[in-house]
Amino acid sequence: MEHQRVTISVRAGSCTLCRSCQLICSMTHKGVFDPSFANLSVEDSGDAGEAPRIVFLDSCTGCGLCADYCVYGALEQEKEAPAHE
């Protein structure tokens, strides 16, 4: 079965910086629980009241696990329609 790529919607204002998204990503794709190995970056803005910055790296496969494991709704998965040839 072919992997279906998904689009991830970001609602950074809901992010609590728990890094669950980075941990599931790094474990699934690199075999380690280490946010620095994730295919997405989650950074504190440094300003009180300002939402964190969530950036998907070019290495992101679009698997959608980050959204599946985001319990705060900062990342949500939207399935793309299959491409027709």
C-alpha atoms as a PDB file:
ATOM      1  CA  MET A   1       0.000   0.000   0.000  1.00  0.00           C
ATOM      2  CA  GLU A   2       1.353   3.402  -0.981  1.00  0.00           C
ATOM      3  CA  HIS A   3       1.956   6.017   1.722  1.00  0.00           C
ATOM      4  CA  GLN A   4      -0.609   8.823   1.477  1.00  0.00           C
ATOM      5  CA  ARG A   5       0.943  12.223   2.047  1.00  0.00           C
ATOM      6  CA  VAL A   6      -1.067  14.582   4.225  1.00  0.00           C
ATOM      7  CA  THR A   7      -1.136  18.329   4.639  1.00  0.00           C
ATOM      8  CA  ILE A   8      -0.672  19.572   8.193  1.00  0.00           C
ATOM      9  CA  SER A   9      -2.521  22.683   9.341  1.00  0.00           C
ATOM     10  CA  VAL A  10      -0.702  24.661  12.018  1.00  0.00           C
ATOM     11  CA  ARG A  11      -2.438  26.539  14.838  1.00  0.00           C
ATOM     12  CA  ALA A  12       0.661  27.709  16.682  1.00  0.00           C
ATOM     13  CA  GLY A  13      -1.398  29.534  19.305  1.00  0.00           C
ATOM     14  CA  SER A  14      -2.511  26.149  20.648  1.00  0.00           C
ATOM     15  CA  CYS A  15       1.067  24.838  20.974  1.00  0.00           C
ATOM     16  CA  THR A  16       2.272  24.287  24.555  1.00  0.00           C
ATOM     17  CA  LEU A  17       5.860  23.395  23.562  1.00  0.00           C
ATOM     18  CA  CYS A  18       5.373  19.838  24.885  1.00  0.00           C
ATOM     19  CA  ARG A  19       7.348  18.545  21.866  1.00  0.00           C
ATOM     20  CA  SER A  20       5.265  15.367  21.506  1.00  0.00           C
ATOM     21  CA  CYS A  21       5.192  16.014  17.760  1.00  0.00           C
ATOM     22  CA  GLN A  22       8.984  16.148  17.585  1.00  0.00           C
ATOM     23  CA  LEU A  23       9.404  13.079  19.782  1.00  0.00           C
ATOM     24  CA  ILE A  24       7.093  10.843  17.709  1.00  0.00           C
ATOM     25  CA  CYS A  25       8.738  12.125  14.528  1.00  0.00           C
ATOM     26  CA  SER A  26      12.296  11.517  15.696  1.00  0.00           C
ATOM     27  CA  MET A  27      11.442   8.067  17.078  1.00  0.00           C
ATOM     28  CA  THR A  28       9.573   6.968  13.959  1.00  0.00           C
ATOM     29  CA  HIS A  29      12.009   8.279  11.375  1.00  0.00           C
ATOM     30  CA  LYS A  30      15.374   8.220  13.192  1.00  0.00           C
ATOM     31  CA  GLY A  31      14.892   5.677  15.982  1.00  0.00           C
ATOM     32  CA  VAL A  32      15.666   8.100  18.826  1.00  0.00           C
ATOM     33  CA  PHE A  33      13.584  10.230  21.209  1.00  0.00           C
ATOM     34  CA  ASP A  34      15.345  13.511  20.503  1.00  0.00           C
ATOM     35  CA  PRO A  35      13.543  16.620  19.216  1.00  0.00           C
ATOM     36  CA  SER A  36      16.698  17.744  17.403  1.00  0.00           C
ATOM     37  CA  PHE A  37      16.295  14.758  15.039  1.00  0.00           C
ATOM     38  CA  ALA A  38      12.672  15.585  14.128  1.00  0.00           C
ATOM     39  CA  ASN A  39      11.557  16.684  10.670  1.00  0.00           C
ATOM     40  CA  LEU A  40       9.911  19.739  12.189  1.00  0.00           C
ATOM     41  CA  SER A  41      11.133  22.555  14.370  1.00  0.00           C
ATOM     42  CA  VAL A  42       9.187  23.940  17.335  1.00  0.00           C
ATOM     43  CA  GLU A  43      10.702  27.052  18.848  1.00  0.00           C
ATOM     44  CA  ASP A  44       9.615  29.336  21.654  1.00  0.00           C
ATOM     45  CA  SER A  45       9.189  32.854  20.272  1.00  0.00           C
ATOM     46  CA  GLY A  46      10.811  34.281  23.387  1.00  0.00           C
ATOM     47  CA  ASP A  47       8.072  36.900  23.708  1.00  0.00           C
ATOM     48  CA  ALA A  48       5.407  36.436  26.364  1.00  0.00           C
ATOM     49  CA  GLY A  49       2.022  35.885  24.774  1.00  0.00           C
ATOM     50  CA  GLU A  50       3.437  35.191  21.309  1.00  0.00           C
ATOM     51  CA  ALA A  51       2.838  31.772  19.747  1.00  0.00           C
ATOM     52  CA  PRO A  52       5.715  29.358  19.193  1.00  0.00           C
ATOM     53  CA  ARG A  53       7.145  28.948  15.683  1.00  0.00           C
ATOM     54  CA  ILE A  54       6.415  25.581  14.064  1.00  0.00           C
ATOM     55  CA  VAL A  55       8.321  24.899  10.844  1.00  0.00           C
ATOM     56  CA  PHE A  56       8.368  21.719   8.770  1.00  0.00           C
ATOM     57  CA  LEU A  57      11.798  20.884   7.395  1.00  0.00           C
ATOM     58  CA  ASP A  58      12.432  19.749   3.816  1.00  0.00           C
ATOM     59  CA  SER A  59      13.017  16.255   5.221  1.00  0.00           C
ATOM     60  CA  CYS A  60       9.355  16.001   6.346  1.00  0.00           C
ATOM     61  CA  THR A  61       7.672  12.984   4.725  1.00  0.00           C
ATOM     62  CA  GLY A  62       4.121  14.193   5.322  1.00  0.00           C
ATOM     63  CA  CYS A  63       3.217  11.072   7.303  1.00  0.00           C
ATOM     64  CA  GLY A  64       0.992  13.051   9.695  1.00  0.00           C
ATOM     65  CA  LEU A  65       2.104  11.376  12.930  1.00  0.00           C
ATOM     66  CA  CYS A  66       2.972  14.748  14.455  1.00  0.00           C
ATOM     67  CA  ALA A  67      -0.664  15.819  14.081  1.00  0.00           C
ATOM     68  CA  ASP A  68      -1.950  12.464  15.350  1.00  0.00           C
ATOM     69  CA  TYR A  69       0.060  12.891  18.569  1.00  0.00           C
ATOM     70  CA  CYS A  70      -0.649  16.601  19.120  1.00  0.00           C
ATOM     71  CA  VAL A  71      -3.209  16.511  21.921  1.00  0.00           C
ATOM     72  CA  TYR A  72      -3.545  20.312  22.004  1.00  0.00           C
ATOM     73  CA  GLY A  73      -4.707  20.762  18.402  1.00  0.00           C
ATOM     74  CA  ALA A  74      -1.740  22.840  17.287  1.00  0.00           C
ATOM     75  CA  LEU A  75      -1.205  20.413  14.385  1.00  0.00           C
ATOM     76  CA  GLU A  76      -4.106  18.937  12.447  1.00  0.00           C
ATOM     77  CA  GLN A  77      -4.045  16.516   9.548  1.00  0.00           C
ATOM     78  CA  GLU A  78      -5.896  17.104   6.265  1.00  0.00           C
ATOM     79  CA  LYS A  79      -5.785  14.267   3.743  1.00  0.00           C
ATOM     80  CA  GLU A  80      -5.026  15.348   0.190  1.00  0.00           C
ATOM     81  CA  ALA A  81      -7.013  14.038  -2.721  1.00  0.00           C
ATOM     82  CA  PRO A  82      -5.161  11.335  -4.696  1.00  0.00           C
ATOM     83  CA  ALA A  83      -3.407  12.587  -7.824  1.00  0.00           C
ATOM     84  CA  HIS A  84      -4.894  11.412 -11.128  1.00  0.00           C
ATOM     85  CA  GLU A  85      -2.581  10.562 -13.989  1.00  0.00           C
END
